[in-house]
Amino acid sequence: MVNNKRGGDTPIQCDLEANKNYAWCTCGHSENQPFCNGSHKAAKATTPIVFSVEEAKTVYLCTCKQTKNPPYCDGSHH
């Protein structure tokens, strides 16, 4: 199920760098999914979640915005 916003319906695999801040889009308006591009400002939508990881790793980030474990996909899109 796709959220009523422009997010997606499948997670996106991302290679994250250690100790780098990432801004995960929470509103679905970003054209740079799953990351925020500032589109929430014009849409007056929710602000992103800023996060980092302690060591470099590959993760699957949610695009449906229904996850209970943001920013990571938990299968809620099924």
C-alpha atoms as a PDB file:
ATOM      1  CA  MET A   1       0.000   0.000   0.000  1.00  0.00           C
ATOM      2  CA  VAL A   2       1.345   3.413  -0.940  1.00  0.00           C
ATOM      3  CA  ASN A   3       0.879   6.322   1.407  1.00  0.00           C
ATOM      4  CA  ASN A   4      -1.208   9.186   0.024  1.00  0.00           C
ATOM      5  CA  LYS A   5       1.998  11.159  -0.313  1.00  0.00           C
ATOM      6  CA  ARG A   6       4.679  10.753  -2.979  1.00  0.00           C
ATOM      7  CA  GLY A   7       6.728   8.219  -1.053  1.00  0.00           C
ATOM      8  CA  GLY A   8       7.068   4.768  -2.523  1.00  0.00           C
ATOM      9  CA  ASP A   9       5.842   1.295  -1.810  1.00  0.00           C
ATOM     10  CA  THR A  10       9.181  -0.486  -1.542  1.00  0.00           C
ATOM     11  CA  PRO A  11      12.260   0.213   0.596  1.00  0.00           C
ATOM     12  CA  ILE A  12      15.414   1.671  -0.923  1.00  0.00           C
ATOM     13  CA  GLN A  13      18.781   0.050  -0.300  1.00  0.00           C
ATOM     14  CA  CYS A  14      21.286   2.648   0.935  1.00  0.00           C
ATOM     15  CA  ASP A  15      24.976   2.444   1.767  1.00  0.00           C
ATOM     16  CA  LEU A  16      25.455   4.683   4.792  1.00  0.00           C
ATOM     17  CA  GLU A  17      28.729   6.149   5.986  1.00  0.00           C
ATOM     18  CA  ALA A  18      29.742   6.050   9.647  1.00  0.00           C
ATOM     19  CA  ASN A  19      29.084   9.185  11.716  1.00  0.00           C
ATOM     20  CA  LYS A  20      27.473  11.105   8.844  1.00  0.00           C
ATOM     21  CA  ASN A  21      24.113  12.801   9.410  1.00  0.00           C
ATOM     22  CA  TYR A  22      21.271  11.827   7.080  1.00  0.00           C
ATOM     23  CA  ALA A  23      17.829  13.428   6.877  1.00  0.00           C
ATOM     24  CA  TRP A  24      15.111  10.842   6.197  1.00  0.00           C
ATOM     25  CA  CYS A  25      12.015  12.248   4.482  1.00  0.00           C
ATOM     26  CA  THR A  26       8.914  11.784   6.643  1.00  0.00           C
ATOM     27  CA  CYS A  27       6.400  13.576   4.423  1.00  0.00           C
ATOM     28  CA  GLY A  28       6.842  11.803   1.072  1.00  0.00           C
ATOM     29  CA  HIS A  29       7.213  15.034  -0.927  1.00  0.00           C
ATOM     30  CA  SER A  30      10.967  14.765  -1.557  1.00  0.00           C
ATOM     31  CA  GLU A  31      12.087  13.959  -5.094  1.00  0.00           C
ATOM     32  CA  ASN A  32      15.229  12.476  -3.505  1.00  0.00           C
ATOM     33  CA  GLN A  33      13.589   9.545  -1.652  1.00  0.00           C
ATOM     34  CA  PRO A  34      14.282   8.318   0.928  1.00  0.00           C
ATOM     35  CA  PHE A  35      16.172  11.480   1.853  1.00  0.00           C
ATOM     36  CA  CYS A  36      14.786  14.954   2.478  1.00  0.00           C
ATOM     37  CA  ASN A  37      15.312  17.685  -0.126  1.00  0.00           C
ATOM     38  CA  GLY A  38      13.438  20.418   1.758  1.00  0.00           C
ATOM     39  CA  SER A  39      10.124  19.969  -0.098  1.00  0.00           C
ATOM     40  CA  HIS A  40       8.293  19.734   3.239  1.00  0.00           C
ATOM     41  CA  LYS A  41       8.728  23.488   3.690  1.00  0.00           C
ATOM     42  CA  ALA A  42       6.608  24.439   0.651  1.00  0.00           C
ATOM     43  CA  ALA A  43       4.103  21.678   1.437  1.00  0.00           C
ATOM     44  CA  LYS A  44       3.939  22.709   5.118  1.00  0.00           C
ATOM     45  CA  ALA A  45       4.492  19.043   5.944  1.00  0.00           C
ATOM     46  CA  THR A  46       6.377  17.161   8.642  1.00  0.00           C
ATOM     47  CA  THR A  47      10.084  17.728   9.087  1.00  0.00           C
ATOM     48  CA  PRO A  48      12.669  15.003   8.402  1.00  0.00           C
ATOM     49  CA  ILE A  49      14.208  12.660  10.938  1.00  0.00           C
ATOM     50  CA  VAL A  50      17.954  13.237  11.209  1.00  0.00           C
ATOM     51  CA  PHE A  51      19.962  10.110  11.998  1.00  0.00           C
ATOM     52  CA  SER A  52      23.424   8.579  11.711  1.00  0.00           C
ATOM     53  CA  VAL A  53      25.020   5.163  12.091  1.00  0.00           C
ATOM     54  CA  GLU A  54      28.083   4.349  14.171  1.00  0.00           C
ATOM     55  CA  GLU A  55      29.681   2.184  11.493  1.00  0.00           C
ATOM     56  CA  ALA A  56      29.288   2.042   7.721  1.00  0.00           C
ATOM     57  CA  LYS A  57      26.582  -0.371   6.629  1.00  0.00           C
ATOM     58  CA  THR A  58      23.956  -1.144   4.031  1.00  0.00           C
ATOM     59  CA  VAL A  59      20.353  -0.639   5.146  1.00  0.00           C
ATOM     60  CA  TYR A  60      16.867  -0.555   3.640  1.00  0.00           C
ATOM     61  CA  LEU A  61      15.134   2.746   4.265  1.00  0.00           C
ATOM     62  CA  CYS A  62      11.350   3.078   4.254  1.00  0.00           C
ATOM     63  CA  THR A  63       9.603   5.016   1.491  1.00  0.00           C
ATOM     64  CA  CYS A  64       5.957   4.232   2.353  1.00  0.00           C
ATOM     65  CA  LYS A  65       6.290   6.240   5.602  1.00  0.00           C
ATOM     66  CA  GLN A  66       4.262   3.625   7.523  1.00  0.00           C
ATOM     67  CA  THR A  67       7.222   1.971   9.304  1.00  0.00           C
ATOM     68  CA  LYS A  68       7.106   1.622  13.077  1.00  0.00           C
ATOM     69  CA  ASN A  69      10.941   1.724  13.095  1.00  0.00           C
ATOM     70  CA  PRO A  70      11.831   4.922  11.202  1.00  0.00           C
ATOM     71  CA  PRO A  71      13.830   5.384   9.071  1.00  0.00           C
ATOM     72  CA  TYR A  72      14.231   1.650   8.507  1.00  0.00           C
ATOM     73  CA  CYS A  73      11.786  -0.502   6.565  1.00  0.00           C
ATOM     74  CA  ASP A  74       9.844  -2.932   8.788  1.00  0.00           C
ATOM     75  CA  GLY A  75       7.680  -4.445   6.053  1.00  0.00           C
ATOM     76  CA  SER A  76       4.667  -2.212   6.725  1.00  0.00           C
ATOM     77  CA  HIS A  77       4.312  -1.583   2.984  1.00  0.00           C
ATOM     78  CA  HIS A  78       2.971  -5.140   2.650  1.00  0.00           C
END
